[in-house]
């Protein structure tokens, strides 16, 4: 079976205060979370890969059972690039997130290939990134649509209109982007 790759960031599951901070137009955090789970599972198959670029959920929530429940309801093999809301005050990954069945241990950045290109993944936007001069692209989150894309980099957070709370493929995320030629 063909494996597809998807990208998403800043889902902030269970983060009730975020509904007012961003704002996200849902009547409750439960509606917010259920909508994203439905959107996720509508496009992702069990054999697909999903790169989540941080701020997965409100990990500091005291409801570890709900964190695990949401994680296990989401399809695909999941990779986590650590975001600022995924760590404790001491900077270490929250134990509830660390204990989930990630495809590999969460990290602060990842490199992969997609669409015939090198791709650098991090929670934070970078002005330069590995292999940029050879045509590599950069996907990031954190900025909630408030930081304009630059060159071959872009925000893949759920707040972006073309992401719309749904994991997206490389082709969907790079549509209309001037990719130039890969060296």
N, C-alpha and C. Protein backbone atom coordinates (compact mmCIF):
# COMPACT_ATOMS: atom_id res chain seq x y z
N UNK A 1 0.84 -1.19 0.00
CA UNK A 1 0.00 0.00 0.00
C UNK A 1 0.88 1.25 0.00
N UNK A 2 0.45 2.27 -0.68
CA UNK A 2 1.18 3.53 -0.81
C UNK A 2 1.08 4.33 0.49
N UNK A 3 2.22 4.74 1.00
CA UNK A 3 2.26 5.56 2.22
C UNK A 3 2.34 7.02 1.83
N UNK A 4 1.48 7.81 2.41
CA UNK A 4 1.50 9.25 2.19
C UNK A 4 2.05 9.93 3.43
N UNK A 5 2.57 11.15 3.24
CA UNK A 5 3.07 11.96 4.34
C UNK A 5 2.18 13.19 4.49
N UNK A 6 1.91 13.53 5.75
CA UNK A 6 1.11 14.71 6.06
C UNK A 6 1.86 15.56 7.08
N UNK A 7 1.49 16.84 7.13
CA UNK A 7 2.13 17.80 8.02
C UNK A 7 1.05 18.66 8.67
N UNK A 8 1.29 18.99 9.94
CA UNK A 8 0.36 19.84 10.68
C UNK A 8 1.09 20.36 11.92
N UNK A 9 0.60 21.44 12.47
CA UNK A 9 1.19 22.00 13.68
C UNK A 9 0.12 22.71 14.50
N UNK A 10 0.42 22.87 15.78
CA UNK A 10 -0.36 23.71 16.68
C UNK A 10 -1.82 23.29 16.82
N UNK A 11 -2.04 21.98 16.98
CA UNK A 11 -3.40 21.51 17.21
C UNK A 11 -3.91 21.93 18.59
N UNK A 12 -3.04 22.00 19.56
CA UNK A 12 -3.42 22.46 20.91
C UNK A 12 -4.66 21.74 21.45
N UNK A 13 -4.70 20.43 21.29
CA UNK A 13 -5.80 19.67 21.88
C UNK A 13 -5.92 20.00 23.36
N UNK A 14 -7.14 20.13 23.85
CA UNK A 14 -7.47 20.35 25.26
C UNK A 14 -7.05 21.71 25.81
N UNK A 15 -6.57 22.62 24.99
CA UNK A 15 -6.06 23.92 25.45
C UNK A 15 -7.19 24.95 25.38
N UNK A 16 -8.04 24.93 26.36
CA UNK A 16 -9.25 25.75 26.35
C UNK A 16 -8.98 27.24 26.20
N UNK A 17 -7.96 27.75 26.86
CA UNK A 17 -7.65 29.18 26.78
C UNK A 17 -7.32 29.62 25.35
N UNK A 18 -6.86 28.69 24.54
CA UNK A 18 -6.49 29.02 23.16
C UNK A 18 -7.71 29.47 22.34
N UNK A 19 -8.89 29.01 22.71
CA UNK A 19 -10.09 29.39 21.97
C UNK A 19 -10.29 30.90 21.98
N UNK A 20 -9.87 31.55 23.04
CA UNK A 20 -9.97 33.01 23.12
C UNK A 20 -8.70 33.70 22.66
N UNK A 21 -7.57 33.04 22.83
CA UNK A 21 -6.29 33.67 22.51
C UNK A 21 -6.09 33.83 21.01
N UNK A 22 -6.54 32.89 20.18
CA UNK A 22 -6.21 32.92 18.75
C UNK A 22 -7.12 33.83 17.92
N UNK A 23 -8.36 33.89 17.92
CA UNK A 23 -9.33 32.95 18.47
C UNK A 23 -9.64 31.83 17.47
N UNK A 24 -10.13 30.75 18.01
CA UNK A 24 -10.64 29.63 17.21
C UNK A 24 -12.13 29.56 17.49
N UNK A 25 -12.91 29.55 16.44
CA UNK A 25 -14.36 29.72 16.57
C UNK A 25 -15.07 28.39 16.78
N UNK A 26 -14.93 27.87 17.99
CA UNK A 26 -15.63 26.66 18.41
C UNK A 26 -16.33 26.97 19.72
N UNK A 27 -17.50 26.40 19.95
CA UNK A 27 -18.22 26.69 21.19
C UNK A 27 -17.54 26.14 22.44
N UNK A 28 -16.73 25.09 22.27
CA UNK A 28 -16.05 24.51 23.43
C UNK A 28 -14.77 23.82 22.96
N UNK A 29 -13.87 23.55 23.90
CA UNK A 29 -12.64 22.85 23.55
C UNK A 29 -12.94 21.43 23.11
N UNK A 30 -13.99 20.84 23.64
CA UNK A 30 -14.39 19.49 23.21
C UNK A 30 -14.81 19.49 21.74
N UNK A 31 -15.56 20.51 21.32
CA UNK A 31 -15.96 20.63 19.91
C UNK A 31 -14.73 20.84 19.03
N UNK A 32 -13.85 21.69 19.49
CA UNK A 32 -12.57 21.95 18.80
C UNK A 32 -11.81 20.65 18.58
N UNK A 33 -11.62 19.90 19.66
CA UNK A 33 -10.85 18.66 19.57
C UNK A 33 -11.53 17.63 18.67
N UNK A 34 -12.83 17.47 18.82
CA UNK A 34 -13.54 16.49 17.99
C UNK A 34 -13.49 16.86 16.52
N UNK A 35 -13.59 18.15 16.21
CA UNK A 35 -13.50 18.60 14.82
C UNK A 35 -12.14 18.22 14.24
N UNK A 36 -11.07 18.48 14.98
CA UNK A 36 -9.73 18.15 14.46
C UNK A 36 -9.52 16.65 14.34
N UNK A 37 -10.04 15.87 15.26
CA UNK A 37 -9.92 14.41 15.15
C UNK A 37 -10.64 13.93 13.89
N UNK A 38 -11.83 14.44 13.64
CA UNK A 38 -12.59 14.07 12.44
C UNK A 38 -11.86 14.48 11.17
N UNK A 39 -11.34 15.72 11.15
CA UNK A 39 -10.61 16.20 9.98
C UNK A 39 -9.37 15.34 9.72
N UNK A 40 -8.63 15.05 10.78
CA UNK A 40 -7.42 14.23 10.70
C UNK A 40 -7.75 12.87 10.10
N UNK A 41 -8.71 12.19 10.70
CA UNK A 41 -9.03 10.83 10.28
C UNK A 41 -9.74 10.76 8.94
N UNK A 42 -10.26 11.88 8.45
CA UNK A 42 -10.87 11.91 7.13
C UNK A 42 -9.84 11.83 6.01
N UNK A 43 -8.60 12.23 6.30
CA UNK A 43 -7.56 12.23 5.25
C UNK A 43 -6.42 11.26 5.51
N UNK A 44 -6.16 10.91 6.76
CA UNK A 44 -5.01 10.08 7.11
C UNK A 44 -5.44 8.62 7.27
N UNK A 45 -4.70 7.72 6.62
CA UNK A 45 -4.92 6.28 6.78
C UNK A 45 -3.97 5.75 7.85
N UNK A 46 -4.25 4.58 8.35
CA UNK A 46 -3.41 3.99 9.40
C UNK A 46 -1.96 3.83 8.96
N UNK A 47 -1.72 3.62 7.68
CA UNK A 47 -0.36 3.40 7.18
C UNK A 47 0.37 4.69 6.81
N UNK A 48 -0.32 5.82 6.86
CA UNK A 48 0.30 7.10 6.50
C UNK A 48 1.18 7.61 7.64
N UNK A 49 2.00 8.59 7.30
CA UNK A 49 2.89 9.26 8.26
C UNK A 49 2.37 10.67 8.47
N UNK A 50 2.34 11.09 9.73
CA UNK A 50 1.96 12.46 10.05
C UNK A 50 3.08 13.08 10.87
N UNK A 51 3.63 14.17 10.35
CA UNK A 51 4.63 14.95 11.09
C UNK A 51 3.89 16.09 11.77
N UNK A 52 3.90 16.06 13.09
CA UNK A 52 3.26 17.12 13.86
C UNK A 52 4.36 18.05 14.36
N UNK A 53 4.30 19.32 13.95
CA UNK A 53 5.38 20.26 14.23
C UNK A 53 5.16 21.05 15.52
N UNK A 54 4.72 20.37 16.53
CA UNK A 54 4.70 20.96 17.86
C UNK A 54 3.39 21.53 18.32
N UNK A 55 3.33 21.69 19.65
CA UNK A 55 2.14 22.13 20.35
C UNK A 55 0.97 21.19 20.03
N UNK A 56 1.26 19.91 20.26
CA UNK A 56 0.29 18.85 19.99
C UNK A 56 -0.98 19.06 20.82
N UNK A 57 -0.81 19.17 22.08
CA UNK A 57 -1.96 19.35 22.96
C UNK A 57 -1.53 20.03 24.23
N UNK A 58 -2.46 20.25 25.06
CA UNK A 58 -2.13 20.89 26.32
C UNK A 58 -1.58 19.83 27.25
N UNK A 59 -0.32 19.48 27.02
CA UNK A 59 0.33 18.37 27.72
C UNK A 59 0.39 18.58 29.22
N UNK A 60 0.39 19.81 29.63
CA UNK A 60 0.48 20.06 31.06
C UNK A 60 -0.87 19.86 31.75
N UNK A 61 -1.86 19.46 30.95
CA UNK A 61 -3.16 19.12 31.51
C UNK A 61 -2.99 17.97 32.49
N UNK A 62 -3.80 17.99 33.49
CA UNK A 62 -3.74 16.90 34.46
C UNK A 62 -4.50 15.67 33.97
N UNK A 63 -5.05 15.75 32.77
CA UNK A 63 -5.85 14.66 32.24
C UNK A 63 -5.04 13.81 31.25
N UNK A 64 -4.11 13.05 31.77
CA UNK A 64 -3.25 12.20 30.94
C UNK A 64 -4.07 11.17 30.18
N UNK A 65 -5.16 10.71 30.75
CA UNK A 65 -6.01 9.73 30.06
C UNK A 65 -6.60 10.34 28.78
N UNK A 66 -7.00 11.60 28.85
CA UNK A 66 -7.57 12.26 27.66
C UNK A 66 -6.48 12.48 26.61
N UNK A 67 -5.27 12.82 27.02
CA UNK A 67 -4.15 12.96 26.08
C UNK A 67 -3.96 11.64 25.33
N UNK A 68 -3.90 10.54 26.07
CA UNK A 68 -3.70 9.22 25.45
C UNK A 68 -4.88 8.85 24.55
N UNK A 69 -6.09 9.15 25.01
CA UNK A 69 -7.27 8.82 24.21
C UNK A 69 -7.25 9.53 22.85
N UNK A 70 -6.98 10.83 22.86
CA UNK A 70 -6.93 11.57 21.60
C UNK A 70 -5.83 11.01 20.72
N UNK A 71 -4.65 10.80 21.27
CA UNK A 71 -3.52 10.28 20.49
C UNK A 71 -3.90 8.97 19.79
N UNK A 72 -4.51 8.06 20.51
CA UNK A 72 -4.84 6.75 19.96
C UNK A 72 -6.00 6.79 18.97
N UNK A 73 -6.80 7.81 19.03
CA UNK A 73 -7.89 7.95 18.05
C UNK A 73 -7.39 8.48 16.71
N UNK A 74 -6.25 9.13 16.70
CA UNK A 74 -5.71 9.72 15.47
C UNK A 74 -4.99 8.65 14.64
N UNK A 75 -5.34 8.56 13.38
CA UNK A 75 -4.74 7.57 12.49
C UNK A 75 -3.31 7.96 12.12
N UNK A 76 -2.58 6.97 11.63
CA UNK A 76 -1.26 7.20 11.08
C UNK A 76 -0.14 6.94 12.06
N UNK A 77 1.07 6.89 11.50
CA UNK A 77 2.29 6.80 12.29
C UNK A 77 2.73 8.23 12.56
N UNK A 78 2.79 8.60 13.82
CA UNK A 78 2.95 10.00 14.19
C UNK A 78 4.36 10.30 14.69
N UNK A 79 4.90 11.40 14.17
CA UNK A 79 6.20 11.94 14.59
C UNK A 79 5.92 13.29 15.23
N UNK A 80 6.62 13.58 16.32
CA UNK A 80 6.45 14.88 16.98
C UNK A 80 7.74 15.67 16.94
N UNK A 81 7.63 16.88 16.41
CA UNK A 81 8.68 17.88 16.55
C UNK A 81 8.24 18.73 17.74
N UNK A 82 9.06 18.81 18.74
CA UNK A 82 8.68 19.40 20.02
C UNK A 82 8.42 20.91 19.90
N UNK A 83 7.28 21.32 20.45
CA UNK A 83 6.93 22.74 20.50
C UNK A 83 6.98 23.26 21.92
N UNK A 84 6.83 24.55 22.07
CA UNK A 84 6.94 25.18 23.39
C UNK A 84 5.87 24.71 24.37
N UNK A 85 4.70 24.31 23.89
CA UNK A 85 3.65 23.83 24.79
C UNK A 85 3.75 22.33 25.06
N UNK A 86 4.77 21.68 24.52
CA UNK A 86 4.97 20.24 24.72
C UNK A 86 5.97 19.95 25.84
N UNK A 87 6.53 20.99 26.42
CA UNK A 87 7.56 20.81 27.44
C UNK A 87 7.12 21.39 28.78
N UNK A 88 7.76 20.88 29.83
CA UNK A 88 7.54 21.42 31.16
C UNK A 88 8.37 22.69 31.32
N UNK A 89 8.23 23.35 32.44
CA UNK A 89 8.97 24.59 32.68
C UNK A 89 10.48 24.38 32.67
N UNK A 90 10.93 23.15 32.97
CA UNK A 90 12.37 22.87 32.95
C UNK A 90 12.89 22.58 31.54
N UNK A 91 12.01 22.63 30.53
CA UNK A 91 12.41 22.44 29.15
C UNK A 91 12.37 21.00 28.66
N UNK A 92 12.08 20.06 29.55
CA UNK A 92 12.01 18.65 29.16
C UNK A 92 10.61 18.32 28.65
N UNK A 93 10.57 17.41 27.68
CA UNK A 93 9.30 16.96 27.13
C UNK A 93 8.41 16.45 28.26
N UNK A 94 7.15 16.86 28.22
CA UNK A 94 6.22 16.43 29.26
C UNK A 94 6.13 14.90 29.24
N UNK A 95 6.20 14.26 30.40
CA UNK A 95 6.20 12.80 30.46
C UNK A 95 4.99 12.14 29.80
N UNK A 96 3.84 12.78 29.86
CA UNK A 96 2.66 12.21 29.21
C UNK A 96 2.88 12.10 27.70
N UNK A 97 3.44 13.15 27.09
CA UNK A 97 3.73 13.10 25.65
C UNK A 97 4.87 12.13 25.35
N UNK A 98 5.88 12.13 26.20
CA UNK A 98 7.03 11.25 25.98
C UNK A 98 6.61 9.78 25.99
N UNK A 99 5.58 9.44 26.75
CA UNK A 99 5.15 8.04 26.88
C UNK A 99 4.25 7.57 25.74
N UNK A 100 3.85 8.46 24.85
CA UNK A 100 2.98 8.05 23.75
C UNK A 100 3.76 7.25 22.70
N UNK A 101 3.04 6.52 21.88
CA UNK A 101 3.65 5.61 20.90
C UNK A 101 4.02 6.35 19.61
N UNK A 102 4.93 7.31 19.73
CA UNK A 102 5.43 8.02 18.55
C UNK A 102 6.23 7.06 17.69
N UNK A 103 6.31 7.31 16.39
CA UNK A 103 7.06 6.46 15.47
C UNK A 103 8.55 6.44 15.82
N UNK A 104 9.03 7.54 16.38
CA UNK A 104 10.38 7.61 16.94
C UNK A 104 10.35 8.66 18.03
N UNK A 105 11.35 8.70 18.90
CA UNK A 105 11.31 9.67 20.00
C UNK A 105 11.18 11.11 19.48
N UNK A 106 10.32 11.91 20.10
CA UNK A 106 10.17 13.31 19.68
C UNK A 106 11.51 14.05 19.70
N UNK A 107 11.65 15.00 18.77
CA UNK A 107 12.89 15.77 18.67
C UNK A 107 12.55 17.22 18.36
N UNK A 108 13.55 18.08 18.47
CA UNK A 108 13.33 19.51 18.23
C UNK A 108 13.34 19.89 16.76
N UNK A 109 13.79 19.01 15.91
CA UNK A 109 13.77 19.24 14.47
C UNK A 109 13.92 17.89 13.78
N UNK A 110 13.41 17.83 12.56
CA UNK A 110 13.54 16.62 11.75
C UNK A 110 13.85 17.00 10.32
N UNK A 111 14.50 16.08 9.64
CA UNK A 111 14.70 16.23 8.20
C UNK A 111 14.09 15.02 7.52
N UNK A 112 13.43 15.25 6.41
CA UNK A 112 12.85 14.19 5.62
C UNK A 112 12.92 14.59 4.15
N UNK A 113 12.41 13.74 3.30
CA UNK A 113 12.29 14.05 1.87
C UNK A 113 10.84 13.88 1.47
N UNK A 114 10.38 14.79 0.62
CA UNK A 114 9.03 14.70 0.09
C UNK A 114 9.00 15.50 -1.20
N UNK A 115 8.22 15.07 -2.14
CA UNK A 115 8.12 15.78 -3.41
C UNK A 115 9.46 15.92 -4.11
N UNK A 116 10.37 14.98 -3.88
CA UNK A 116 11.69 15.04 -4.48
C UNK A 116 12.61 16.08 -3.85
N UNK A 117 12.22 16.59 -2.71
CA UNK A 117 12.97 17.66 -2.04
C UNK A 117 13.36 17.28 -0.63
N UNK A 118 14.45 17.87 -0.16
CA UNK A 118 14.77 17.81 1.26
C UNK A 118 13.82 18.76 1.97
N UNK A 119 13.42 18.38 3.17
CA UNK A 119 12.46 19.17 3.91
C UNK A 119 12.90 19.22 5.37
N UNK A 120 13.03 20.44 5.89
CA UNK A 120 13.44 20.66 7.28
C UNK A 120 12.21 21.04 8.07
N UNK A 121 11.95 20.31 9.15
CA UNK A 121 10.76 20.50 9.97
C UNK A 121 11.16 20.97 11.36
N UNK A 122 10.56 22.07 11.81
CA UNK A 122 10.79 22.54 13.18
C UNK A 122 9.54 23.29 13.64
N UNK A 123 9.42 23.43 14.94
CA UNK A 123 8.27 24.16 15.47
C UNK A 123 8.41 25.65 15.16
N UNK A 124 9.63 26.14 15.20
CA UNK A 124 9.89 27.56 15.01
C UNK A 124 10.37 27.85 13.59
N UNK A 125 9.97 29.00 13.07
CA UNK A 125 10.43 29.43 11.75
C UNK A 125 11.91 29.75 11.80
N UNK A 126 12.61 29.34 10.77
CA UNK A 126 14.05 29.62 10.66
C UNK A 126 14.28 30.52 9.46
N UNK A 127 15.24 31.39 9.58
CA UNK A 127 15.60 32.23 8.43
C UNK A 127 16.49 31.47 7.47
N UNK A 128 17.28 30.56 8.00
CA UNK A 128 18.07 29.65 7.18
C UNK A 128 17.87 28.25 7.75
N UNK A 129 18.07 27.24 6.93
CA UNK A 129 17.88 25.85 7.36
C UNK A 129 18.78 24.95 6.53
N UNK A 130 19.02 23.72 6.99
CA UNK A 130 19.92 22.81 6.29
C UNK A 130 19.51 22.60 4.83
N UNK A 131 20.49 22.65 3.95
CA UNK A 131 20.33 22.41 2.50
C UNK A 131 19.44 23.42 1.80
N UNK A 132 19.19 24.54 2.43
CA UNK A 132 18.37 25.59 1.81
C UNK A 132 18.96 26.00 0.47
N UNK A 133 20.28 26.13 0.42
CA UNK A 133 20.93 26.56 -0.82
C UNK A 133 20.84 25.52 -1.93
N UNK A 134 20.41 24.30 -1.58
CA UNK A 134 20.25 23.23 -2.57
C UNK A 134 18.78 22.93 -2.85
N UNK A 135 17.90 23.83 -2.46
CA UNK A 135 16.49 23.68 -2.78
C UNK A 135 15.62 23.10 -1.69
N UNK A 136 16.19 22.87 -0.50
CA UNK A 136 15.39 22.32 0.60
C UNK A 136 14.30 23.30 1.03
N UNK A 137 13.19 22.76 1.48
CA UNK A 137 12.09 23.56 1.99
C UNK A 137 12.05 23.47 3.51
N UNK A 138 11.30 24.37 4.12
CA UNK A 138 11.18 24.43 5.58
C UNK A 138 9.71 24.60 5.94
N UNK A 139 9.18 23.66 6.74
CA UNK A 139 7.84 23.78 7.30
C UNK A 139 7.99 24.06 8.79
N UNK A 140 7.15 24.94 9.31
CA UNK A 140 7.19 25.33 10.71
C UNK A 140 5.77 25.61 11.22
N UNK A 141 5.66 25.84 12.51
CA UNK A 141 4.40 26.20 13.15
C UNK A 141 4.61 27.40 14.04
N UNK A 142 4.07 27.36 15.23
CA UNK A 142 4.25 28.32 16.31
C UNK A 142 3.61 29.68 16.08
N UNK A 143 3.64 30.19 14.88
CA UNK A 143 3.24 31.59 14.65
C UNK A 143 1.75 31.78 14.41
N UNK A 144 1.00 30.71 14.31
CA UNK A 144 -0.46 30.80 14.17
C UNK A 144 -0.89 31.74 13.05
N UNK A 145 -0.20 31.64 11.93
CA UNK A 145 -0.57 32.42 10.75
C UNK A 145 -0.18 33.88 10.79
N UNK A 146 0.58 34.29 11.79
CA UNK A 146 0.93 35.71 11.93
C UNK A 146 2.30 36.06 11.36
N UNK A 147 3.05 35.05 10.92
CA UNK A 147 4.37 35.27 10.35
C UNK A 147 4.33 34.89 8.87
N UNK A 148 4.54 35.84 7.98
CA UNK A 148 4.46 35.53 6.55
C UNK A 148 5.51 34.51 6.14
N UNK A 149 5.15 33.71 5.15
CA UNK A 149 6.10 32.76 4.58
C UNK A 149 7.24 33.53 3.94
N UNK A 150 8.36 32.87 3.82
CA UNK A 150 9.54 33.50 3.24
C UNK A 150 10.24 32.47 2.35
N UNK A 151 10.32 32.76 1.05
CA UNK A 151 11.00 31.84 0.15
C UNK A 151 10.34 30.48 0.16
N UNK A 152 11.15 29.46 0.38
CA UNK A 152 10.63 28.09 0.39
C UNK A 152 10.35 27.61 1.81
N UNK A 153 9.79 28.49 2.64
CA UNK A 153 9.38 28.11 3.99
C UNK A 153 7.94 28.55 4.19
N UNK A 154 7.25 27.83 5.08
CA UNK A 154 5.87 28.21 5.35
C UNK A 154 5.36 27.61 6.64
N UNK A 155 4.35 28.28 7.20
CA UNK A 155 3.63 27.88 8.39
C UNK A 155 2.64 26.78 7.99
N UNK A 156 2.66 25.67 8.73
CA UNK A 156 1.73 24.57 8.47
C UNK A 156 0.76 24.38 9.64
N UNK A 157 0.59 25.44 10.44
CA UNK A 157 -0.30 25.38 11.59
C UNK A 157 -1.76 25.31 11.19
N UNK A 158 -2.56 24.75 12.07
CA UNK A 158 -3.98 24.56 11.80
C UNK A 158 -4.72 25.88 11.54
N UNK A 159 -4.15 27.00 12.01
CA UNK A 159 -4.78 28.30 11.82
C UNK A 159 -4.64 28.85 10.40
N UNK A 160 -3.79 28.25 9.60
CA UNK A 160 -3.62 28.71 8.23
C UNK A 160 -4.87 28.36 7.41
N UNK A 161 -5.38 29.30 6.60
CA UNK A 161 -6.61 29.03 5.85
C UNK A 161 -6.54 27.77 4.98
N UNK A 162 -5.39 27.51 4.36
CA UNK A 162 -5.30 26.33 3.49
C UNK A 162 -5.01 25.04 4.25
N UNK A 163 -4.76 25.14 5.55
CA UNK A 163 -4.60 23.95 6.39
C UNK A 163 -5.96 23.60 7.01
N UNK A 164 -6.62 24.60 7.53
CA UNK A 164 -8.00 24.47 8.00
C UNK A 164 -8.20 23.27 8.94
N UNK A 165 -7.34 23.16 9.96
CA UNK A 165 -7.47 22.14 11.00
C UNK A 165 -7.34 20.71 10.48
N UNK A 166 -6.64 20.54 9.35
CA UNK A 166 -6.53 19.23 8.70
C UNK A 166 -5.08 18.98 8.30
N UNK A 167 -4.53 17.79 8.61
CA UNK A 167 -3.19 17.49 8.11
C UNK A 167 -3.17 17.61 6.58
N UNK A 168 -2.09 18.17 6.05
CA UNK A 168 -2.00 18.40 4.60
C UNK A 168 -0.74 17.74 4.04
N UNK A 169 -0.80 17.41 2.75
CA UNK A 169 0.33 16.79 2.07
C UNK A 169 1.30 17.86 1.59
N UNK A 170 2.48 17.41 1.23
CA UNK A 170 3.49 18.29 0.66
C UNK A 170 2.94 19.04 -0.54
N UNK A 171 2.29 18.32 -1.46
CA UNK A 171 1.75 18.97 -2.66
C UNK A 171 0.70 20.02 -2.31
N UNK A 172 -0.14 19.74 -1.34
CA UNK A 172 -1.15 20.72 -0.93
C UNK A 172 -0.48 21.96 -0.32
N UNK A 173 0.53 21.73 0.50
CA UNK A 173 1.19 22.84 1.19
C UNK A 173 2.10 23.67 0.29
N UNK A 174 2.55 23.09 -0.79
CA UNK A 174 3.47 23.83 -1.69
C UNK A 174 2.77 24.31 -2.95
N UNK A 175 1.48 24.06 -3.09
CA UNK A 175 0.74 24.55 -4.25
C UNK A 175 0.85 26.06 -4.31
N UNK A 176 1.26 26.57 -5.44
CA UNK A 176 1.40 28.02 -5.61
C UNK A 176 2.69 28.58 -5.08
N UNK A 177 3.50 27.77 -4.45
CA UNK A 177 4.79 28.22 -3.91
C UNK A 177 5.82 28.17 -5.03
N UNK A 178 6.66 29.19 -5.13
CA UNK A 178 7.73 29.18 -6.12
C UNK A 178 8.87 28.31 -5.58
N UNK A 179 8.92 27.08 -6.09
CA UNK A 179 9.92 26.14 -5.59
C UNK A 179 11.26 26.27 -6.31
N UNK A 180 11.28 26.97 -7.44
CA UNK A 180 12.55 27.05 -8.17
C UNK A 180 13.00 25.65 -8.53
N UNK A 181 14.23 25.50 -8.85
CA UNK A 181 14.72 24.17 -9.18
C UNK A 181 15.58 23.66 -8.03
N UNK A 182 15.44 22.40 -7.74
CA UNK A 182 16.29 21.77 -6.73
C UNK A 182 17.66 21.57 -7.33
N UNK A 183 18.69 22.00 -6.60
CA UNK A 183 20.05 21.85 -7.12
C UNK A 183 20.51 20.42 -7.02
